[in-house]
Amino acid sequence: LGKWRDQGTRHTAFIIGGAYGLTDEVRQRADLVLSLSPMVFPHQLVRVLFAEQLYRALSILKGSGYHHG
C-alpha cells in the first residue's frame, strides 16, 4: 500500500473470490493476487477482516499509533 501511495496510484480494486477462488481469466488480469488464508471463509467475514487489515495498514503508514509494536 505504501508503494502504491508513493507511486501515485489513484485507483485500486480488491476482489473477493468464492469458495473455489477466482477464475484464471480474473487472476491473469490482476496486477497482484493475495490470499488471506488457505481456509474458506464466508464473504461477510472476509469483507470485515480485509477492511480491518486495510485500515490497520493505512493507519500504520500514516503513523497514527494504531500499531502497538
Foldseek 3Di string as FASTA:
>chain_A
DVVCVVVPPDDDDDDDAAPVGDDPVVVVPDPDDDDPDPDHDDPVVVVVVVVVVVVLVVCVVVVVCPDPD
